[in-house]
N, C-alpha and C. Protein backbone atom coordinates (compact mmCIF):
# COMPACT_ATOMS: atom_id res chain seq x y z
N MET A 1 137.26 137.87 -84.52
CA MET A 1 137.89 137.06 -83.50
C MET A 1 137.31 137.39 -82.13
N LYS A 2 137.09 138.71 -81.85
CA LYS A 2 136.53 139.11 -80.57
C LYS A 2 135.12 138.56 -80.41
N LYS A 3 134.33 138.58 -81.52
CA LYS A 3 132.96 138.07 -81.46
C LYS A 3 132.96 136.58 -81.12
N LEU A 4 133.88 135.83 -81.70
CA LEU A 4 133.98 134.40 -81.43
C LEU A 4 134.33 134.15 -79.97
N LEU A 5 135.23 134.94 -79.42
CA LEU A 5 135.61 134.82 -78.02
C LEU A 5 134.44 135.13 -77.10
N ILE A 6 133.68 136.17 -77.41
CA ILE A 6 132.52 136.56 -76.60
C ILE A 6 131.45 135.47 -76.66
N ILE A 7 131.23 134.89 -77.83
CA ILE A 7 130.24 133.82 -77.98
C ILE A 7 130.67 132.59 -77.17
N ALA A 8 131.95 132.27 -77.21
CA ALA A 8 132.46 131.12 -76.46
C ALA A 8 132.29 131.33 -74.95
N ILE A 9 132.59 132.52 -74.47
CA ILE A 9 132.44 132.83 -73.04
C ILE A 9 130.98 132.77 -72.64
N ALA A 10 130.10 133.28 -73.49
CA ALA A 10 128.66 133.25 -73.20
C ALA A 10 128.15 131.81 -73.15
N ALA A 11 128.63 130.97 -74.06
CA ALA A 11 128.20 129.56 -74.07
C ALA A 11 128.67 128.84 -72.81
N ILE A 12 129.87 129.12 -72.37
CA ILE A 12 130.39 128.51 -71.14
C ILE A 12 129.58 128.96 -69.94
N ALA A 13 129.24 130.24 -69.89
CA ALA A 13 128.47 130.78 -68.77
C ALA A 13 127.09 130.13 -68.70
N VAL A 14 126.45 129.94 -69.85
CA VAL A 14 125.12 129.31 -69.89
C VAL A 14 125.21 127.86 -69.42
N SER A 15 126.21 127.13 -69.88
CA SER A 15 126.33 125.73 -69.49
C SER A 15 126.67 125.59 -68.01
N VAL A 16 127.49 126.45 -67.46
CA VAL A 16 127.82 126.41 -66.04
C VAL A 16 126.59 126.71 -65.20
N SER A 17 125.82 127.71 -65.58
CA SER A 17 124.63 128.05 -64.78
C SER A 17 123.58 126.95 -64.87
N SER A 18 123.47 126.28 -66.02
CA SER A 18 122.50 125.19 -66.11
C SER A 18 122.95 123.99 -65.29
N CYS A 19 124.26 123.74 -65.19
CA CYS A 19 124.76 122.66 -64.35
C CYS A 19 124.47 122.94 -62.88
N ASN A 20 124.69 124.18 -62.47
CA ASN A 20 124.44 124.54 -61.07
C ASN A 20 122.97 124.45 -60.73
N SER A 21 122.09 124.82 -61.65
CA SER A 21 120.66 124.76 -61.34
C SER A 21 120.19 123.31 -61.26
N ASN A 22 120.82 122.39 -61.98
CA ASN A 22 120.46 120.98 -61.88
C ASN A 22 120.83 120.40 -60.53
N LYS A 23 121.86 120.91 -59.92
CA LYS A 23 122.29 120.40 -58.62
C LYS A 23 121.27 120.71 -57.53
N SER A 24 120.57 121.79 -57.64
CA SER A 24 119.65 122.18 -56.59
C SER A 24 118.28 121.52 -56.74
N LYS A 25 118.01 120.90 -57.88
CA LYS A 25 116.73 120.24 -58.08
C LYS A 25 116.70 118.94 -57.30
N THR A 26 115.54 118.61 -56.75
CA THR A 26 115.40 117.34 -56.03
C THR A 26 114.38 116.49 -56.75
N THR A 27 114.54 115.20 -56.59
CA THR A 27 113.59 114.27 -57.18
C THR A 27 112.89 113.53 -56.07
N GLY A 28 111.89 112.79 -56.41
CA GLY A 28 111.16 112.01 -55.42
C GLY A 28 112.03 110.98 -54.75
N THR A 29 113.08 110.50 -55.41
CA THR A 29 113.93 109.49 -54.81
C THR A 29 114.82 110.06 -53.71
N ASP A 30 115.09 111.39 -53.73
CA ASP A 30 115.91 111.99 -52.69
C ASP A 30 115.24 111.85 -51.33
N SER A 31 113.94 112.09 -51.25
CA SER A 31 113.26 112.00 -49.96
C SER A 31 113.16 110.56 -49.51
N ILE A 32 113.07 109.61 -50.45
CA ILE A 32 113.02 108.20 -50.07
C ILE A 32 114.36 107.80 -49.47
N ALA A 33 115.45 108.23 -50.08
CA ALA A 33 116.78 107.88 -49.57
C ALA A 33 116.99 108.42 -48.17
N SER A 34 116.57 109.66 -47.90
CA SER A 34 116.79 110.22 -46.57
C SER A 34 115.87 109.57 -45.53
N ASP A 35 114.69 109.07 -45.96
CA ASP A 35 113.80 108.38 -45.03
C ASP A 35 114.37 107.04 -44.60
N SER A 36 115.18 106.40 -45.46
CA SER A 36 115.69 105.08 -45.15
C SER A 36 116.96 105.14 -44.30
N VAL A 37 117.50 106.32 -44.07
CA VAL A 37 118.70 106.48 -43.26
C VAL A 37 118.34 106.27 -41.79
N SER A 38 119.21 105.58 -41.06
CA SER A 38 118.95 105.29 -39.65
C SER A 38 118.91 106.58 -38.83
N ASN A 39 117.98 106.63 -37.94
CA ASN A 39 117.89 107.74 -37.01
C ASN A 39 118.23 107.31 -35.60
N ALA A 40 118.89 106.17 -35.45
CA ALA A 40 119.39 105.76 -34.15
C ALA A 40 120.56 106.67 -33.79
N ASN A 41 120.73 106.93 -32.50
CA ASN A 41 121.83 107.79 -32.06
C ASN A 41 122.31 107.31 -30.70
N ILE A 42 123.57 106.97 -30.60
CA ILE A 42 124.15 106.48 -29.35
C ILE A 42 124.88 107.63 -28.65
N VAL A 43 124.46 107.91 -27.41
CA VAL A 43 125.07 108.99 -26.64
C VAL A 43 125.54 108.41 -25.31
N PHE A 44 126.85 108.45 -25.08
CA PHE A 44 127.44 107.93 -23.85
C PHE A 44 127.46 108.99 -22.76
N GLU A 45 127.25 108.56 -21.52
CA GLU A 45 127.39 109.49 -20.38
C GLU A 45 128.82 110.01 -20.34
N SER A 46 129.77 109.12 -20.61
CA SER A 46 131.19 109.48 -20.67
C SER A 46 131.88 108.47 -21.58
N SER A 47 132.79 108.94 -22.39
CA SER A 47 133.52 108.03 -23.28
C SER A 47 134.91 107.69 -22.73
N VAL A 48 135.25 108.25 -21.57
CA VAL A 48 136.55 108.00 -20.95
C VAL A 48 136.35 107.63 -19.49
N TYR A 49 137.01 106.55 -19.06
CA TYR A 49 137.01 106.18 -17.65
C TYR A 49 138.46 106.14 -17.18
N ASN A 50 138.77 106.95 -16.18
CA ASN A 50 140.11 106.97 -15.59
C ASN A 50 140.05 106.13 -14.33
N PHE A 51 140.73 104.97 -14.35
CA PHE A 51 140.68 104.07 -13.21
C PHE A 51 141.74 104.40 -12.15
N GLY A 52 142.52 105.43 -12.37
CA GLY A 52 143.50 105.86 -11.37
C GLY A 52 144.72 104.95 -11.36
N LYS A 53 145.19 104.62 -10.14
CA LYS A 53 146.37 103.75 -9.99
C LYS A 53 145.92 102.40 -9.46
N ILE A 54 146.41 101.34 -10.10
CA ILE A 54 146.15 99.99 -9.65
C ILE A 54 147.45 99.21 -9.64
N LYS A 55 147.45 98.07 -8.98
CA LYS A 55 148.63 97.21 -8.95
C LYS A 55 148.58 96.24 -10.12
N GLU A 56 149.75 95.89 -10.63
CA GLU A 56 149.85 94.93 -11.71
C GLU A 56 149.12 93.64 -11.31
N GLY A 57 148.30 93.14 -12.21
CA GLY A 57 147.52 91.93 -11.95
C GLY A 57 146.07 92.22 -11.57
N ASP A 58 145.79 93.45 -11.16
CA ASP A 58 144.40 93.82 -10.83
C ASP A 58 143.57 93.89 -12.10
N LYS A 59 142.27 93.65 -11.94
CA LYS A 59 141.33 93.81 -13.05
C LYS A 59 140.42 95.00 -12.75
N VAL A 60 140.17 95.78 -13.78
CA VAL A 60 139.28 96.93 -13.68
C VAL A 60 138.07 96.65 -14.56
N SER A 61 136.89 96.89 -14.02
CA SER A 61 135.65 96.71 -14.77
C SER A 61 134.87 98.03 -14.72
N TYR A 62 134.34 98.43 -15.88
CA TYR A 62 133.57 99.67 -15.94
C TYR A 62 132.43 99.52 -16.93
N ASP A 63 131.25 100.04 -16.57
CA ASP A 63 130.10 100.04 -17.45
C ASP A 63 129.96 101.42 -18.10
N PHE A 64 130.17 101.46 -19.42
CA PHE A 64 129.97 102.69 -20.18
C PHE A 64 128.47 102.77 -20.50
N LYS A 65 127.76 103.63 -19.78
CA LYS A 65 126.31 103.75 -19.96
C LYS A 65 126.01 104.67 -21.14
N PHE A 66 124.98 104.29 -21.89
CA PHE A 66 124.58 105.08 -23.04
C PHE A 66 123.06 105.08 -23.20
N LYS A 67 122.60 105.99 -24.06
CA LYS A 67 121.18 106.10 -24.36
C LYS A 67 121.00 106.22 -25.87
N ASN A 68 119.96 105.59 -26.38
CA ASN A 68 119.60 105.77 -27.79
C ASN A 68 118.68 106.99 -27.84
N THR A 69 119.22 108.11 -28.26
CA THR A 69 118.44 109.35 -28.34
C THR A 69 117.78 109.51 -29.70
N GLY A 70 117.88 108.50 -30.55
CA GLY A 70 117.29 108.55 -31.88
C GLY A 70 115.84 108.11 -31.90
N THR A 71 115.33 107.93 -33.11
CA THR A 71 113.92 107.57 -33.29
C THR A 71 113.73 106.15 -33.80
N THR A 72 114.82 105.43 -34.05
CA THR A 72 114.74 104.03 -34.48
C THR A 72 115.61 103.19 -33.55
N PRO A 73 115.37 101.87 -33.50
CA PRO A 73 116.18 101.00 -32.62
C PRO A 73 117.68 101.07 -32.98
N LEU A 74 118.49 101.06 -31.93
CA LEU A 74 119.94 101.07 -32.06
C LEU A 74 120.44 99.63 -32.03
N ILE A 75 121.26 99.26 -32.99
CA ILE A 75 121.83 97.93 -33.03
C ILE A 75 123.35 98.04 -33.03
N ILE A 76 123.97 97.52 -31.98
CA ILE A 76 125.44 97.50 -31.91
C ILE A 76 125.89 96.23 -32.61
N SER A 77 126.69 96.38 -33.64
CA SER A 77 127.13 95.22 -34.43
C SER A 77 128.47 94.67 -33.96
N ASN A 78 129.27 95.50 -33.29
CA ASN A 78 130.58 95.01 -32.85
C ASN A 78 131.17 95.95 -31.81
N ALA A 79 131.96 95.36 -30.92
CA ALA A 79 132.77 96.12 -29.96
C ALA A 79 134.10 95.39 -29.88
N SER A 80 135.18 96.08 -30.21
CA SER A 80 136.50 95.45 -30.18
C SER A 80 137.49 96.36 -29.47
N ALA A 81 138.45 95.72 -28.82
CA ALA A 81 139.44 96.46 -28.04
C ALA A 81 140.78 96.52 -28.77
N SER A 82 141.61 97.48 -28.34
CA SER A 82 142.91 97.68 -28.95
C SER A 82 143.91 96.60 -28.57
N CYS A 83 143.63 95.83 -27.52
CA CYS A 83 144.52 94.73 -27.16
C CYS A 83 143.73 93.65 -26.43
N GLY A 84 144.30 92.47 -26.34
CA GLY A 84 143.62 91.32 -25.73
C GLY A 84 143.41 91.45 -24.22
N CYS A 85 144.07 92.40 -23.58
CA CYS A 85 143.92 92.59 -22.14
C CYS A 85 142.63 93.33 -21.79
N THR A 86 141.94 93.84 -22.81
CA THR A 86 140.71 94.61 -22.61
C THR A 86 139.58 93.90 -23.35
N VAL A 87 138.50 93.59 -22.60
CA VAL A 87 137.40 92.83 -23.20
C VAL A 87 136.08 93.57 -23.02
N PRO A 88 135.45 93.96 -24.14
CA PRO A 88 134.14 94.61 -24.06
C PRO A 88 133.01 93.59 -24.16
N ASP A 89 131.92 93.84 -23.45
CA ASP A 89 130.72 93.02 -23.53
C ASP A 89 129.56 93.98 -23.80
N TYR A 90 128.94 93.84 -24.95
CA TYR A 90 127.91 94.80 -25.38
C TYR A 90 126.56 94.10 -25.54
N PRO A 91 125.47 94.86 -25.46
CA PRO A 91 124.15 94.27 -25.67
C PRO A 91 123.97 93.86 -27.13
N HIS A 92 123.48 92.65 -27.34
CA HIS A 92 123.30 92.14 -28.70
C HIS A 92 121.87 92.35 -29.22
N GLU A 93 120.96 92.73 -28.34
CA GLU A 93 119.58 93.00 -28.76
C GLU A 93 119.43 94.48 -29.09
N PRO A 94 118.47 94.82 -29.96
CA PRO A 94 118.26 96.23 -30.30
C PRO A 94 117.88 97.06 -29.07
N ILE A 95 118.36 98.29 -29.03
CA ILE A 95 118.06 99.23 -27.95
C ILE A 95 116.99 100.19 -28.50
N ALA A 96 115.83 100.18 -27.88
CA ALA A 96 114.70 100.99 -28.35
C ALA A 96 115.01 102.48 -28.22
N PRO A 97 114.35 103.31 -29.02
CA PRO A 97 114.52 104.77 -28.88
C PRO A 97 114.17 105.21 -27.45
N GLY A 98 115.04 106.01 -26.87
CA GLY A 98 114.84 106.49 -25.50
C GLY A 98 115.35 105.55 -24.42
N ALA A 99 115.70 104.33 -24.79
CA ALA A 99 116.16 103.35 -23.80
C ALA A 99 117.65 103.53 -23.50
N THR A 100 118.06 103.02 -22.33
CA THR A 100 119.46 103.07 -21.93
C THR A 100 120.00 101.65 -21.80
N ALA A 101 121.31 101.53 -21.89
CA ALA A 101 122.00 100.26 -21.73
C ALA A 101 123.45 100.56 -21.39
N ALA A 102 124.27 99.52 -21.34
CA ALA A 102 125.69 99.72 -21.00
C ALA A 102 126.56 98.73 -21.74
N ILE A 103 127.79 99.15 -21.97
CA ILE A 103 128.83 98.27 -22.50
C ILE A 103 129.83 98.08 -21.38
N LYS A 104 129.95 96.84 -20.92
CA LYS A 104 130.88 96.52 -19.82
C LYS A 104 132.26 96.24 -20.43
N VAL A 105 133.27 96.91 -19.89
CA VAL A 105 134.64 96.72 -20.35
C VAL A 105 135.50 96.30 -19.18
N VAL A 106 136.25 95.20 -19.36
CA VAL A 106 137.14 94.69 -18.32
C VAL A 106 138.58 94.77 -18.83
N PHE A 107 139.44 95.39 -18.02
CA PHE A 107 140.87 95.51 -18.32
C PHE A 107 141.64 94.66 -17.33
N ASP A 108 142.46 93.74 -17.83
CA ASP A 108 143.31 92.88 -16.99
C ASP A 108 144.73 93.42 -17.08
N SER A 109 145.25 93.88 -15.95
CA SER A 109 146.57 94.54 -15.95
C SER A 109 147.75 93.57 -15.79
N THR A 110 147.49 92.28 -15.83
CA THR A 110 148.57 91.30 -15.72
C THR A 110 149.61 91.54 -16.82
N GLY A 111 150.88 91.69 -16.40
CA GLY A 111 151.96 91.91 -17.35
C GLY A 111 152.08 93.34 -17.86
N LYS A 112 151.29 94.23 -17.31
CA LYS A 112 151.33 95.63 -17.74
C LYS A 112 151.95 96.49 -16.64
N SER A 113 152.53 97.61 -17.03
CA SER A 113 153.02 98.57 -16.06
C SER A 113 153.08 99.94 -16.71
N GLY A 114 152.99 100.97 -15.87
CA GLY A 114 153.04 102.33 -16.38
C GLY A 114 151.67 102.83 -16.80
N MET A 115 151.67 103.95 -17.51
CA MET A 115 150.42 104.56 -17.98
C MET A 115 149.78 103.68 -19.05
N GLN A 116 148.46 103.54 -18.94
CA GLN A 116 147.71 102.72 -19.89
C GLN A 116 146.60 103.57 -20.50
N ASN A 117 146.35 103.36 -21.78
CA ASN A 117 145.26 104.02 -22.49
C ASN A 117 144.68 102.99 -23.44
N LYS A 118 143.65 102.30 -22.99
CA LYS A 118 143.04 101.21 -23.77
C LYS A 118 141.81 101.74 -24.50
N GLN A 119 141.72 101.41 -25.77
CA GLN A 119 140.66 101.90 -26.64
C GLN A 119 139.70 100.77 -26.98
N VAL A 120 138.40 101.09 -26.99
CA VAL A 120 137.37 100.16 -27.43
C VAL A 120 136.60 100.84 -28.55
N MET A 121 136.50 100.16 -29.70
CA MET A 121 135.79 100.70 -30.85
C MET A 121 134.40 100.07 -30.92
N ILE A 122 133.38 100.91 -31.02
CA ILE A 122 132.00 100.47 -31.09
C ILE A 122 131.47 100.74 -32.50
N SER A 123 130.89 99.71 -33.13
CA SER A 123 130.25 99.86 -34.44
C SER A 123 128.76 99.62 -34.28
N SER A 124 127.95 100.50 -34.89
CA SER A 124 126.50 100.37 -34.77
C SER A 124 125.82 100.99 -35.98
N ASN A 125 124.48 100.93 -35.95
CA ASN A 125 123.70 101.54 -37.03
C ASN A 125 123.36 103.00 -36.71
N ALA A 126 123.98 103.56 -35.70
CA ALA A 126 123.70 104.93 -35.28
C ALA A 126 124.22 105.94 -36.31
N VAL A 127 123.73 107.15 -36.20
CA VAL A 127 124.20 108.24 -37.05
C VAL A 127 125.72 108.35 -36.91
N ASN A 128 126.20 108.28 -35.68
CA ASN A 128 127.64 108.24 -35.40
C ASN A 128 128.04 106.76 -35.34
N ALA A 129 128.15 106.12 -36.52
CA ALA A 129 128.30 104.67 -36.65
C ALA A 129 129.52 104.09 -35.94
N SER A 130 130.56 104.86 -35.78
CA SER A 130 131.77 104.39 -35.12
C SER A 130 132.06 105.31 -33.93
N THR A 131 132.18 104.70 -32.76
CA THR A 131 132.42 105.45 -31.53
C THR A 131 133.59 104.83 -30.79
N GLU A 132 134.38 105.65 -30.12
CA GLU A 132 135.52 105.15 -29.35
C GLU A 132 135.32 105.42 -27.87
N LEU A 133 135.67 104.41 -27.07
CA LEU A 133 135.66 104.52 -25.61
C LEU A 133 137.09 104.29 -25.13
N PHE A 134 137.42 104.85 -23.95
CA PHE A 134 138.79 104.73 -23.46
C PHE A 134 138.82 104.40 -21.97
N LEU A 135 139.71 103.48 -21.60
CA LEU A 135 140.06 103.22 -20.20
C LEU A 135 141.47 103.73 -20.02
N LYS A 136 141.66 104.59 -19.02
CA LYS A 136 142.98 105.17 -18.78
C LYS A 136 143.35 105.01 -17.32
N GLY A 137 144.64 104.92 -17.07
CA GLY A 137 145.12 104.86 -15.70
C GLY A 137 146.56 104.39 -15.66
N GLU A 138 147.03 104.18 -14.44
CA GLU A 138 148.41 103.77 -14.24
C GLU A 138 148.47 102.43 -13.53
N VAL A 139 149.28 101.53 -14.08
CA VAL A 139 149.51 100.24 -13.47
C VAL A 139 150.87 100.28 -12.79
N GLN A 140 150.87 100.05 -11.47
CA GLN A 140 152.12 100.07 -10.71
C GLN A 140 152.70 98.67 -10.69
N SER A 141 153.93 98.58 -11.14
CA SER A 141 154.63 97.31 -11.23
C SER A 141 154.84 96.70 -9.86
N LEU A 142 154.76 95.39 -9.77
CA LEU A 142 155.00 94.69 -8.50
C LEU A 142 156.46 94.75 -8.08
N ASN A 143 157.35 95.07 -9.01
CA ASN A 143 158.78 95.15 -8.72
C ASN A 143 159.17 96.42 -7.97
N LYS A 144 158.27 97.38 -7.86
CA LYS A 144 158.60 98.65 -7.20
C LYS A 144 158.41 98.56 -5.72
């Protein structure tokens, strides 16, 4: 019985070690897959803009400047805001490696009051495919 147990443990150990050694082996297709991965990279000067205090009804506009620090063209596929009062305008043409551009975001404070934290979601082919930008500040009500 002990011999059977020892043989079973030895067989398990051999199969586990052979499974682990297969994981470390690479094939020619691994390098092809990594070559096809985008090397675009979007880096913003700042991802947060604090507009301070404004009066209700004022509009705030800010350009979120960025650079493609990658080695392939950066393509922004979408920019969407957390609410209809915030509108992003992004470049629709590819951004070359090393080039800079900006995403203009306009916040309309009509009907808003108090602290605001508006989010803009950016989707692209960059390594960091999803990026968030924020407009923050305080809207002072006209009733005060």
